Amino acid sequence: MRTAYSVETVRAAERALMARLPEGALMQRAAAGLAAACADVLRGRGRVYGARIVLLVGSGDNGGDALYAGARLARRGAGVRAVLTAPGRAHAGGLAALLAAGGWVTDGPADTAGDGPSDAAADVVADAWGGHVDLVVDGVTGIGGRGGLRPGAAALVRAFAATGAPLLAVDLPSGVEADTGEVLGDAVRADATVTFGTYKPGLLVDPAAELAGALRLVDIGIGPELPAVPDLEALQYADVAALLPVPGGGSDKYRRGVVGVVAGSARYPGAAVLAVSGALRGGAGAVRYVGPGADAVIACHPETLVHTGPPSKAGRVQAWVVGPGLGDGAEAAGAVDDVLATDVPVLVDADGLRLLDAAAVRARTAPTVLTPHAGEAAALLGVAREEVEAGRLAAVRELAARHRATVLLKGSTTLVAAGTGDAPVRVNPTGTAWLATAGSGDVLSGLIGSLLAAGLAPRDAASVGAHLHGLAARLAADGAPVAAQDVAEAIPAAWRDVGA
């Protein structure tokens, strides 16, 4: 499992470890790991000896890591030039080490308005081997940075990015918010990021995660100093495999879990089919369908048990899914209320999110899972969609706390937060842009519903469902466009891959 900790927690762990180590030992560990990562990139492009490296160096320890790593690479025969974004404030020991190893140091452009920084940055690039650079290392701000890059640093980043050289970020891309994943101004877009000790939330949560590129974690020894409970975690294959509900020899359809699905309308009959598809492919022992789409559902899935309603009269279920394509009429609102009044786990999606009574959700004693996308989350919070997309971590936490429910916030990085607030937010690592297609959320709802019916805790059901859903989309797409039903049909293959 990948885990991420806040800046404050990481710094506390570093202080505790540094108190037992010789001065500078922790920075040297980071520099050694960074130099090794740089060397791997350079070997992939030819060789380390004779390579031309530019370090963009700020005033903090992040810049010191870059300088010491540059010194190691210079001693291996690379040409290393440090460009200082804060002249006079760079790490003194790192500067001395680089110069002693044969590196060069140049001042970057001043932080002025207008085109001045851009013109000066172009001159700096031209001075660096005529712009023929093999690697650019971003050591401008690191985890202590707040807000976007200043004009001079932003101009340097743009100018060196234009050379086409790969850009490797130190700890995290400069200009992003380490704790939240927000991007509040100009920021580095890295091809890869080397981070130290543990992942930071901004490396796992969009929009910042999109700027980090490939991630490489360097162990510097702070693991034992970190709390047992992280701020974020991302399930990996082994974690998901351990949670998959696998039927035993004595299982029957009821022990495997019966899912009730309340979905579809005259306008959106396909939503019913897709939600039922997700539930059946997700391992449900049986699916009871309630709604106006019975004919379409039976035509696609004749094993479905259909009922005209209301949901409370449909028969025994272990979990309900309500909302996909339901519409907004009185009958739809009554169905949502009816489902929320039951004493089994309930997943609310799509139209159901607009129709639910927040007080009724908070009053439930059985688990509730809400699965909004950014627009639906914004409506529930009473804010603009852009605010949710810019601050996804804060939004999912607020939604979970406000409704006392598990919330799965869909998007480029799907997040899962528990309503109790005592568990780490989970980040799904399998998301793909191929899921940006109509109906894929309906499939996800049914899939998570099947996992709830099988007995998984709501946070686990949502996390495992998102993982399988993303993996199924990747398998179904294989580089080509897919539709939601293709994703549903690929769920068993995703299940096999995880469980193998």
Protein backbone atom coordinates (compact mmCIF):
# COMPACT_ATOMS: atom_id res chain seq x y z
CA MET A 1 0.00 0.00 0.00
CA ARG A 2 1.23 3.48 -0.80
CA THR A 3 0.86 5.90 2.08
CA ALA A 4 1.19 9.68 2.19
CA TYR A 5 1.75 12.06 5.10
CA SER A 6 1.34 15.79 5.55
CA VAL A 7 4.29 18.18 5.48
CA GLU A 8 4.04 18.81 9.22
CA THR A 9 4.14 15.09 9.95
CA VAL A 10 7.09 14.51 7.61
CA ARG A 11 9.07 17.34 9.13
CA ALA A 12 8.43 16.08 12.64
CA ALA A 13 9.68 12.63 11.62
CA GLU A 14 12.76 14.14 10.01
CA ARG A 15 13.56 16.16 13.13
CA ALA A 16 13.26 13.09 15.32
CA LEU A 17 15.62 11.14 13.07
CA MET A 18 18.12 13.97 12.60
CA ALA A 19 18.50 14.26 16.37
CA ARG A 20 20.16 10.82 16.29
CA LEU A 21 22.24 11.27 13.12
CA PRO A 22 25.38 13.24 12.28
CA GLU A 23 24.65 16.69 10.91
CA GLY A 24 23.74 16.60 7.22
CA ALA A 25 23.34 12.81 7.08
CA LEU A 26 19.66 12.94 6.09
CA MET A 27 20.33 15.35 3.23
CA GLN A 28 23.14 13.13 1.99
CA ARG A 29 20.81 10.13 1.96
CA ALA A 30 18.31 12.12 -0.10
CA ALA A 31 21.03 13.37 -2.44
CA ALA A 32 22.36 9.87 -2.98
CA GLY A 33 18.91 8.59 -3.95
CA LEU A 34 18.30 11.60 -6.18
CA ALA A 35 21.65 11.17 -7.94
CA ALA A 36 20.88 7.49 -8.56
CA ALA A 37 17.52 8.41 -10.09
CA CYS A 38 19.15 11.05 -12.30
CA ALA A 39 21.74 8.51 -13.41
CA ASP A 40 18.98 6.06 -14.37
CA VAL A 41 17.31 8.72 -16.53
CA LEU A 42 20.60 9.63 -18.17
CA ARG A 43 21.54 6.01 -18.87
CA GLY A 44 18.22 5.64 -20.63
CA ARG A 45 19.27 8.50 -22.90
CA GLY A 46 22.85 7.33 -23.43
CA ARG A 47 25.27 7.76 -20.53
CA VAL A 48 26.08 9.67 -17.35
CA TYR A 49 29.65 10.59 -18.29
CA GLY A 50 29.56 13.67 -20.50
CA ALA A 51 25.84 14.32 -19.87
CA ARG A 52 24.71 17.93 -19.48
CA ILE A 53 22.59 18.60 -16.41
CA VAL A 54 20.89 21.79 -15.26
CA LEU A 55 19.83 22.18 -11.64
CA LEU A 56 17.13 24.77 -10.90
CA VAL A 57 17.95 25.59 -7.30
CA GLY A 58 15.88 27.50 -4.76
CA SER A 59 16.69 28.64 -1.24
CA GLY A 60 15.60 25.66 0.82
CA ASP A 61 16.78 22.16 1.65
CA ASN A 62 15.14 21.00 -1.57
CA GLY A 63 17.76 23.00 -3.45
CA GLY A 64 20.45 21.55 -1.16
CA ASP A 65 19.38 18.02 -2.14
CA ALA A 66 19.73 18.99 -5.80
CA LEU A 67 23.15 20.58 -5.30
CA TYR A 68 24.62 17.63 -3.43
CA ALA A 69 23.17 15.24 -6.03
CA GLY A 70 24.67 17.43 -8.76
CA ALA A 71 28.06 17.19 -7.05
CA ARG A 72 27.83 13.39 -7.11
CA LEU A 73 26.98 13.42 -10.79
CA ALA A 74 29.76 15.88 -11.59
CA ARG A 75 32.26 13.53 -9.94
CA ARG A 76 31.02 10.86 -12.34
CA GLY A 77 31.95 13.04 -15.31
CA ALA A 78 28.67 14.84 -16.00
CA GLY A 79 28.60 18.53 -16.75
CA VAL A 80 26.43 20.16 -14.07
CA ARG A 81 25.25 23.75 -14.01
CA ALA A 82 23.20 25.14 -11.13
CA VAL A 83 20.86 28.05 -11.89
CA LEU A 84 19.96 29.86 -8.68
CA THR A 85 16.40 31.18 -8.43
CA ALA A 86 17.24 32.87 -5.12
CA PRO A 87 20.85 34.11 -5.51
CA GLY A 88 22.61 34.53 -2.18
CA ARG A 89 20.21 32.18 -0.38
CA ALA A 90 21.08 28.79 -1.84
CA HIS A 91 22.29 26.01 0.47
CA ALA A 92 25.90 26.93 1.26
CA GLY A 93 27.20 23.42 1.80
CA GLY A 94 25.57 22.15 -1.37
CA LEU A 95 27.00 25.03 -3.41
CA ALA A 96 30.48 24.39 -2.08
CA ALA A 97 30.20 20.68 -2.87
CA LEU A 98 29.08 21.33 -6.43
CA LEU A 99 31.85 23.86 -7.12
CA ALA A 100 34.45 21.54 -5.60
CA ALA A 101 33.26 18.76 -7.94
CA GLY A 102 33.72 20.99 -11.00
CA GLY A 103 30.17 22.28 -11.44
CA TRP A 104 29.12 25.79 -12.50
CA VAL A 105 26.76 28.24 -10.85
CA THR A 106 24.62 30.89 -12.60
CA ASP A 107 22.11 33.36 -11.22
CA GLY A 108 18.58 33.10 -12.58
CA PRO A 109 16.38 36.01 -13.68
CA ALA A 110 14.93 38.44 -11.17
CA ASP A 111 11.31 38.23 -10.05
CA THR A 112 10.02 41.21 -12.01
CA ALA A 113 6.82 41.75 -13.94
CA GLY A 114 6.59 41.80 -17.71
CA ASP A 115 8.83 40.04 -20.22
CA GLY A 116 12.08 40.66 -18.35
CA PRO A 117 12.26 37.23 -16.65
CA SER A 118 11.47 35.45 -19.91
CA ASP A 119 14.20 37.28 -21.80
CA ALA A 120 16.71 36.64 -19.02
CA ALA A 121 15.71 32.98 -18.83
CA ALA A 122 16.33 32.60 -22.56
CA ASP A 123 19.84 33.94 -22.03
CA VAL A 124 20.44 31.44 -19.22
CA VAL A 125 19.32 28.57 -21.46
CA ALA A 126 21.57 29.76 -24.28
CA ASP A 127 24.49 29.92 -21.85
CA ALA A 128 23.90 26.29 -20.83
CA TRP A 129 25.57 24.44 -23.70
CA GLY A 130 23.49 26.39 -26.16
CA GLY A 131 20.33 24.81 -24.76
CA HIS A 132 21.52 21.26 -25.55
CA VAL A 133 20.61 19.80 -22.16
CA ASP A 134 20.17 16.13 -21.23
CA LEU A 135 18.38 16.55 -17.89
CA VAL A 136 16.76 19.35 -15.89
CA VAL A 137 16.37 18.92 -12.12
CA ASP A 138 13.70 20.96 -10.34
CA GLY A 139 14.92 21.90 -6.87
CA VAL A 140 13.15 25.26 -6.62
CA THR A 141 10.72 24.98 -3.71
CA GLY A 142 9.85 21.45 -2.53
CA ILE A 143 7.33 20.64 0.21
CA GLY A 144 7.69 24.01 1.91
CA GLY A 145 6.49 26.02 -1.07
CA ARG A 146 3.20 27.91 -0.97
CA GLY A 147 1.41 29.31 -3.99
CA GLY A 148 2.71 29.14 -7.53
CA LEU A 149 6.20 29.80 -8.79
CA ARG A 150 7.49 33.35 -8.76
CA PRO A 151 7.97 35.01 -12.18
CA GLY A 152 11.72 34.41 -12.45
CA ALA A 153 11.50 30.74 -11.54
CA ALA A 154 8.44 30.21 -13.74
CA ALA A 155 10.29 31.75 -16.69
CA LEU A 156 13.27 29.44 -16.11
CA VAL A 157 11.05 26.36 -15.93
CA ARG A 158 9.28 27.28 -19.17
CA ALA A 159 12.55 28.04 -20.95
CA PHE A 160 14.25 24.78 -19.99
CA ALA A 161 11.09 22.73 -20.60
CA ALA A 162 11.18 24.07 -24.16
CA THR A 163 14.56 22.38 -24.71
CA GLY A 164 12.81 19.00 -24.65
CA ALA A 165 15.07 17.63 -21.93
CA PRO A 166 13.38 15.40 -19.33
CA LEU A 167 12.51 17.25 -16.14
CA LEU A 168 12.92 15.49 -12.80
CA ALA A 169 11.36 17.08 -9.69
CA VAL A 170 12.94 16.85 -6.24
CA ASP A 171 10.43 15.65 -3.63
CA LEU A 172 7.48 17.14 -5.55
CA PRO A 173 7.01 19.53 -8.50
CA SER A 174 7.69 23.10 -7.43
CA GLY A 175 4.59 25.27 -7.29
CA VAL A 176 2.12 22.59 -6.17
CA GLU A 177 0.61 22.33 -2.69
CA ALA A 178 2.11 19.32 -0.95
CA ASP A 179 -0.74 18.74 1.50
CA THR A 180 -3.75 19.23 -0.76
CA GLY A 181 -2.78 18.62 -4.39
CA GLU A 182 -3.91 22.13 -5.32
CA VAL A 183 -2.12 24.14 -8.00
CA LEU A 184 -2.54 27.84 -7.24
CA GLY A 185 -0.33 29.33 -9.95
CA ASP A 186 2.57 28.45 -12.23
CA ALA A 187 4.01 25.03 -11.42
CA VAL A 188 6.51 22.54 -12.77
CA ARG A 189 5.23 19.73 -14.98
CA ALA A 190 7.70 16.93 -14.32
CA ASP A 191 8.39 13.78 -16.27
CA ALA A 192 9.32 12.10 -12.99
CA THR A 193 9.44 12.96 -9.31
CA VAL A 194 11.85 11.55 -6.74
CA THR A 195 10.32 11.87 -3.28
CA PHE A 196 11.96 11.13 0.05
CA GLY A 197 10.84 9.09 3.04
CA THR A 198 7.16 8.86 2.15
CA TYR A 199 4.71 10.08 -0.45
CA LYS A 200 3.08 13.46 0.03
CA PRO A 201 -0.66 13.93 -0.59
CA GLY A 202 -0.04 16.27 -3.53
CA LEU A 203 1.76 13.48 -5.37
CA LEU A 204 -1.37 11.31 -5.30
CA VAL A 205 -4.21 13.82 -5.71
CA ASP A 206 -5.01 15.81 -8.84
CA PRO A 207 -4.50 18.38 -10.15
CA ALA A 208 -0.98 18.24 -8.66
CA ALA A 209 -0.58 14.50 -9.24
CA GLU A 210 -0.92 15.04 -12.98
CA LEU A 211 2.20 17.24 -12.83
CA ALA A 212 4.36 14.72 -10.96
CA GLY A 213 4.98 12.18 -13.72
CA ALA A 214 6.44 8.81 -12.71
CA LEU A 215 7.01 8.52 -8.96
CA ARG A 216 10.09 7.10 -7.27
CA LEU A 217 10.29 6.81 -3.48
CA VAL A 218 13.70 6.99 -1.82
CA ASP A 219 13.94 5.51 1.68
CA ILE A 220 15.86 7.90 3.95
CA GLY A 221 15.00 6.10 7.18
CA ILE A 222 12.08 8.14 8.55
CA GLY A 223 9.57 5.27 8.31
CA PRO A 224 9.79 4.28 12.01
CA GLU A 225 9.22 7.92 13.01
CA LEU A 226 5.95 8.24 11.07
CA PRO A 227 2.54 7.64 12.71
CA ALA A 228 0.83 4.33 12.11
CA VAL A 229 -2.15 6.06 10.45
CA PRO A 230 -1.27 8.10 7.32
CA ASP A 231 -3.20 11.00 5.86
CA LEU A 232 -3.76 9.22 2.54
CA GLU A 233 -3.36 5.70 1.26
CA ALA A 234 -3.63 4.00 -2.10
CA LEU A 235 -4.49 0.31 -2.32
CA GLN A 236 -2.22 -1.82 -4.48
CA TYR A 237 -3.06 -5.16 -6.10
CA ALA A 238 -2.22 -7.23 -3.02
CA ASP A 239 -4.39 -5.03 -0.81
CA VAL A 240 -7.35 -5.35 -3.15
CA ALA A 241 -6.84 -9.10 -3.56
CA ALA A 242 -7.01 -9.53 0.22
CA LEU A 243 -10.38 -7.76 0.29
CA LEU A 244 -12.06 -9.50 -2.66
CA PRO A 245 -15.10 -11.51 -1.50
CA VAL A 246 -14.61 -15.05 -2.81
CA PRO A 247 -17.50 -17.54 -2.38
CA GLY A 248 -16.86 -20.72 -0.43
CA GLY A 249 -18.12 -24.22 -0.93
CA GLY A 250 -21.24 -23.54 1.14
CA SER A 251 -22.18 -20.31 -0.60
CA ASP A 252 -25.54 -19.74 -2.21
CA LYS A 253 -26.91 -16.65 -3.94
CA TYR A 254 -28.07 -15.13 -0.68
CA ARG A 255 -24.75 -15.66 1.10
CA ARG A 256 -22.95 -14.12 -1.87
CA GLY A 257 -25.18 -11.08 -1.53
CA VAL A 258 -28.35 -9.79 -3.13
CA VAL A 259 -28.24 -6.24 -4.47
CA GLY A 260 -31.31 -4.10 -4.92
CA VAL A 261 -31.05 -1.60 -7.78
CA VAL A 262 -33.42 1.36 -8.11
CA ALA A 263 -32.44 3.07 -11.35
CA GLY A 264 -33.55 4.16 -14.77
CA SER A 265 -36.47 6.14 -16.13
CA ALA A 266 -38.28 6.66 -19.39
CA ARG A 267 -35.57 9.14 -20.36
CA TYR A 268 -32.62 7.05 -19.13
CA PRO A 269 -33.54 3.35 -19.38
CA GLY A 270 -29.92 2.42 -20.09
CA ALA A 271 -28.85 3.53 -16.62
CA ALA A 272 -30.82 0.64 -15.16
CA VAL A 273 -29.13 -1.85 -17.48
CA LEU A 274 -25.66 -0.52 -16.71
CA ALA A 275 -26.13 -0.48 -12.94
CA VAL A 276 -27.44 -4.03 -13.01
CA SER A 277 -24.52 -5.03 -15.26
CA GLY A 278 -22.05 -3.65 -12.75
CA ALA A 279 -23.72 -5.51 -9.90
CA LEU A 280 -23.84 -8.84 -11.71
CA ARG A 281 -20.26 -8.59 -13.02
CA GLY A 282 -19.17 -7.57 -9.53
CA GLY A 283 -20.12 -10.95 -8.08
CA ALA A 284 -23.61 -10.42 -6.71
CA GLY A 285 -25.47 -13.63 -6.00
CA ALA A 286 -28.64 -12.01 -7.33
CA VAL A 287 -29.94 -8.59 -8.32
CA ARG A 288 -33.42 -7.30 -7.58
CA TYR A 289 -34.39 -4.47 -9.90
CA VAL A 290 -37.07 -1.89 -9.11
CA GLY A 291 -38.02 0.74 -11.68
CA PRO A 292 -39.52 1.41 -15.09
CA GLY A 293 -36.71 -0.23 -17.03
CA ALA A 294 -37.61 -3.83 -16.28
CA ASP A 295 -38.06 -4.84 -19.93
CA ALA A 296 -34.66 -3.46 -20.92
CA VAL A 297 -33.00 -5.05 -17.92
CA ILE A 298 -34.53 -8.49 -18.51
CA ALA A 299 -33.62 -8.32 -22.20
CA CYS A 300 -29.94 -7.88 -21.27
CA HIS A 301 -29.88 -9.85 -18.01
CA PRO A 302 -32.65 -12.44 -17.79
CA GLU A 303 -31.39 -13.61 -14.38
CA THR A 304 -32.47 -10.31 -12.79
CA LEU A 305 -35.38 -10.37 -10.34
CA VAL A 306 -37.71 -7.48 -11.18
CA HIS A 307 -40.36 -5.72 -9.11
CA THR A 308 -42.66 -2.82 -9.79
CA GLY A 309 -41.99 -1.20 -6.40
CA PRO A 310 -41.79 0.32 -3.96
CA PRO A 311 -38.25 -0.85 -3.07
CA SER A 312 -39.24 -1.84 0.47
CA LYS A 313 -41.66 -4.40 -0.97
CA ALA A 314 -39.22 -5.94 -3.49
CA GLY A 315 -37.87 -8.66 -1.21
CA ARG A 316 -34.74 -9.31 0.81
CA VAL A 317 -31.53 -7.57 -0.17
CA GLN A 318 -28.18 -7.07 1.55
CA ALA A 319 -27.58 -3.64 -0.03
CA TRP A 320 -29.33 -1.06 -2.18
CA VAL A 321 -28.12 1.07 -5.09
CA VAL A 322 -30.37 4.02 -5.85
CA GLY A 323 -30.21 6.95 -8.23
CA PRO A 324 -28.65 6.25 -11.65
CA GLY A 325 -30.94 7.71 -14.33
CA LEU A 326 -33.80 7.94 -11.85
CA GLY A 327 -35.11 11.34 -12.88
CA ASP A 328 -36.46 13.96 -10.51
CA GLY A 329 -40.18 13.34 -10.18
CA ALA A 330 -42.18 12.59 -7.06
CA GLU A 331 -41.94 8.84 -7.66
CA ALA A 332 -38.15 9.06 -7.86
CA ALA A 333 -37.95 11.12 -4.67
CA GLY A 334 -40.21 8.61 -2.91
CA ALA A 335 -37.97 5.74 -4.00
CA VAL A 336 -34.89 7.46 -2.58
CA ASP A 337 -36.65 8.10 0.73
CA ASP A 338 -37.87 4.50 0.83
CA VAL A 339 -34.37 3.11 0.30
CA LEU A 340 -32.78 5.42 2.87
CA ALA A 341 -35.32 4.21 5.42
CA THR A 342 -34.03 0.62 5.17
CA ASP A 343 -31.55 -0.91 7.62
CA VAL A 344 -29.06 -2.24 5.04
CA PRO A 345 -26.11 -0.48 3.34
CA VAL A 346 -27.20 1.99 0.67
CA LEU A 347 -25.26 3.56 -2.19
CA VAL A 348 -26.68 6.81 -3.59
CA ASP A 349 -25.56 8.03 -7.01
CA ALA A 350 -26.50 10.48 -9.75
CA ASP A 351 -30.12 11.69 -9.52
CA GLY A 352 -30.40 10.17 -6.07
CA LEU A 353 -27.83 12.66 -4.81
CA ARG A 354 -30.07 15.57 -5.83
CA LEU A 355 -33.09 13.98 -4.20
CA LEU A 356 -31.63 12.84 -0.89
CA ASP A 357 -32.31 14.50 2.43
CA ALA A 358 -28.96 15.08 4.16
CA ALA A 359 -30.59 14.81 7.57
CA ALA A 360 -32.03 11.42 6.64
CA VAL A 361 -28.57 10.23 5.60
CA ARG A 362 -27.03 11.42 8.87
CA ALA A 363 -29.76 9.69 10.85
CA ARG A 364 -29.19 6.28 9.26
CA THR A 365 -27.71 3.54 11.44
CA ALA A 366 -26.70 1.38 8.46
CA PRO A 367 -23.81 2.48 6.22
CA THR A 368 -24.35 4.96 3.39
CA VAL A 369 -22.06 5.51 0.40
CA LEU A 370 -22.38 8.63 -1.78
CA THR A 371 -20.68 8.63 -5.19
CA PRO A 372 -20.77 12.16 -6.67
CA HIS A 373 -18.71 13.57 -9.52
CA ALA A 374 -17.35 17.10 -9.14
CA GLY A 375 -20.54 18.81 -10.30
CA GLU A 376 -22.73 16.80 -7.96
CA ALA A 377 -20.29 17.34 -5.11
CA ALA A 378 -20.37 21.08 -5.75
CA ALA A 379 -24.17 21.08 -5.58
CA LEU A 380 -24.15 19.16 -2.30
CA LEU A 381 -21.60 21.58 -0.82
CA GLY A 382 -23.15 24.72 -2.30
CA VAL A 383 -19.93 25.79 -4.06
CA ALA A 384 -18.73 26.14 -7.66
CA ARG A 385 -17.59 23.03 -9.50
CA GLU A 386 -14.20 24.65 -10.07
CA GLU A 387 -13.69 24.87 -6.31
CA VAL A 388 -14.23 21.14 -5.95
CA GLU A 389 -11.92 20.29 -8.85
CA ALA A 390 -9.18 22.54 -7.50
CA GLY A 391 -9.44 21.20 -3.93
CA ARG A 392 -10.60 17.60 -4.26
CA LEU A 393 -9.18 16.44 -0.95
CA ALA A 394 -10.92 19.13 1.07
CA ALA A 395 -14.17 18.53 -0.80
CA VAL A 396 -14.34 14.78 -0.18
CA ARG A 397 -13.52 15.23 3.49
CA GLU A 398 -16.16 17.91 3.93
CA LEU A 399 -18.82 15.84 2.16
CA ALA A 400 -18.09 12.79 4.29
CA ALA A 401 -18.18 14.79 7.51
CA ARG A 402 -21.31 16.70 6.57
CA HIS A 403 -23.31 13.56 5.69
CA ARG A 404 -21.63 11.16 8.13
CA ALA A 405 -21.28 8.84 5.17
CA THR A 406 -18.56 7.26 3.09
CA VAL A 407 -18.03 9.46 0.04
CA LEU A 408 -16.42 8.42 -3.23
CA LEU A 409 -15.57 11.52 -5.25
CA LYS A 410 -15.21 10.55 -8.89
CA GLY A 411 -12.73 12.25 -11.15
CA SER A 412 -9.23 12.11 -12.55
CA THR A 413 -8.16 10.77 -9.16
CA THR A 414 -11.03 9.09 -7.36
CA LEU A 415 -11.00 9.70 -3.61
CA VAL A 416 -12.78 7.78 -0.86
CA ALA A 417 -13.35 9.33 2.58
CA ALA A 418 -15.08 7.78 5.59
CA GLY A 419 -17.67 9.79 7.45
CA THR A 420 -16.10 9.11 10.83
CA GLY A 421 -12.96 11.04 9.89
CA ASP A 422 -10.68 8.60 11.74
CA ALA A 423 -9.40 6.75 8.66
CA PRO A 424 -7.09 7.91 5.88
CA VAL A 425 -8.61 9.13 2.65
CA ARG A 426 -8.01 6.54 -0.03
CA VAL A 427 -6.79 7.41 -3.51
CA ASN A 428 -7.54 5.10 -6.41
CA PRO A 429 -4.44 4.48 -8.57
CA THR A 430 -6.16 2.74 -11.52
CA GLY A 431 -8.18 5.61 -12.95
CA THR A 432 -8.00 6.24 -16.68
CA ALA A 433 -9.37 8.84 -19.07
CA TRP A 434 -11.21 6.05 -20.90
CA LEU A 435 -13.73 6.12 -18.04
CA ALA A 436 -14.83 9.58 -19.15
CA THR A 437 -17.81 8.12 -20.99
CA ALA A 438 -21.56 8.16 -20.41
CA GLY A 439 -22.80 5.44 -18.08
CA SER A 440 -19.48 4.39 -16.56
CA GLY A 441 -20.58 5.80 -13.20
CA ASP A 442 -23.73 3.65 -13.34
CA VAL A 443 -21.55 0.56 -13.75
CA LEU A 444 -19.41 1.64 -10.79
CA SER A 445 -22.51 2.06 -8.63
CA GLY A 446 -23.68 -1.46 -9.32
CA LEU A 447 -20.19 -2.86 -8.77
CA ILE A 448 -19.80 -1.20 -5.38
CA GLY A 449 -23.33 -2.27 -4.47
CA SER A 450 -22.38 -5.92 -5.08
CA LEU A 451 -19.37 -5.54 -2.78
CA LEU A 452 -21.51 -3.96 -0.06
CA ALA A 453 -23.97 -6.84 -0.38
CA ALA A 454 -21.09 -9.30 -0.05
CA GLY A 455 -20.29 -7.82 3.34
CA LEU A 456 -17.40 -5.44 2.68
CA ALA A 457 -17.22 -2.36 4.87
CA PRO A 458 -18.34 0.76 2.97
CA ARG A 459 -14.83 2.26 2.70
CA ASP A 460 -13.42 -1.05 1.46
CA ALA A 461 -16.30 -1.63 -0.96
CA ALA A 462 -15.88 1.82 -2.48
CA SER A 463 -12.09 1.50 -2.72
CA VAL A 464 -12.11 -2.01 -4.20
CA GLY A 465 -14.91 -1.07 -6.59
CA ALA A 466 -13.02 1.97 -7.87
CA HIS A 467 -9.85 -0.10 -8.29
CA LEU A 468 -11.60 -2.85 -10.28
CA HIS A 469 -13.57 -0.30 -12.30
CA GLY A 470 -10.43 1.54 -13.39
CA LEU A 471 -8.57 -1.65 -14.15
CA ALA A 472 -11.53 -2.98 -16.16
CA ALA A 473 -11.56 0.19 -18.24
CA ARG A 474 -7.85 -0.19 -18.97
CA LEU A 475 -8.30 -3.82 -19.97
CA ALA A 476 -11.35 -3.10 -22.10
CA ALA A 477 -9.80 -0.08 -23.81
CA ASP A 478 -6.29 -1.38 -24.47
CA GLY A 479 -5.64 1.93 -26.21
CA ALA A 480 -8.99 2.15 -28.03
CA PRO A 481 -12.32 3.84 -27.17
CA VAL A 482 -14.74 1.92 -24.99
CA ALA A 483 -18.34 2.30 -23.84
CA ALA A 484 -19.66 1.76 -20.33
CA GLN A 485 -21.00 -1.72 -21.11
CA ASP A 486 -17.52 -2.73 -22.32
CA VAL A 487 -16.18 -1.69 -18.92
CA ALA A 488 -18.83 -3.75 -17.14
CA GLU A 489 -18.00 -6.83 -19.20
CA ALA A 490 -14.29 -6.47 -18.38
CA ILE A 491 -14.83 -6.48 -14.60
CA PRO A 492 -14.37 -10.28 -14.29
CA ALA A 493 -11.04 -9.99 -16.14
CA ALA A 494 -9.96 -7.21 -13.78
CA TRP A 495 -11.00 -9.39 -10.84
CA ARG A 496 -8.87 -12.27 -12.19
CA ASP A 497 -5.88 -9.99 -12.68
CA VAL A 498 -6.06 -8.68 -9.13
CA GLY A 499 -6.68 -12.08 -7.59
CA ALA A 500 -4.01 -13.91 -9.60
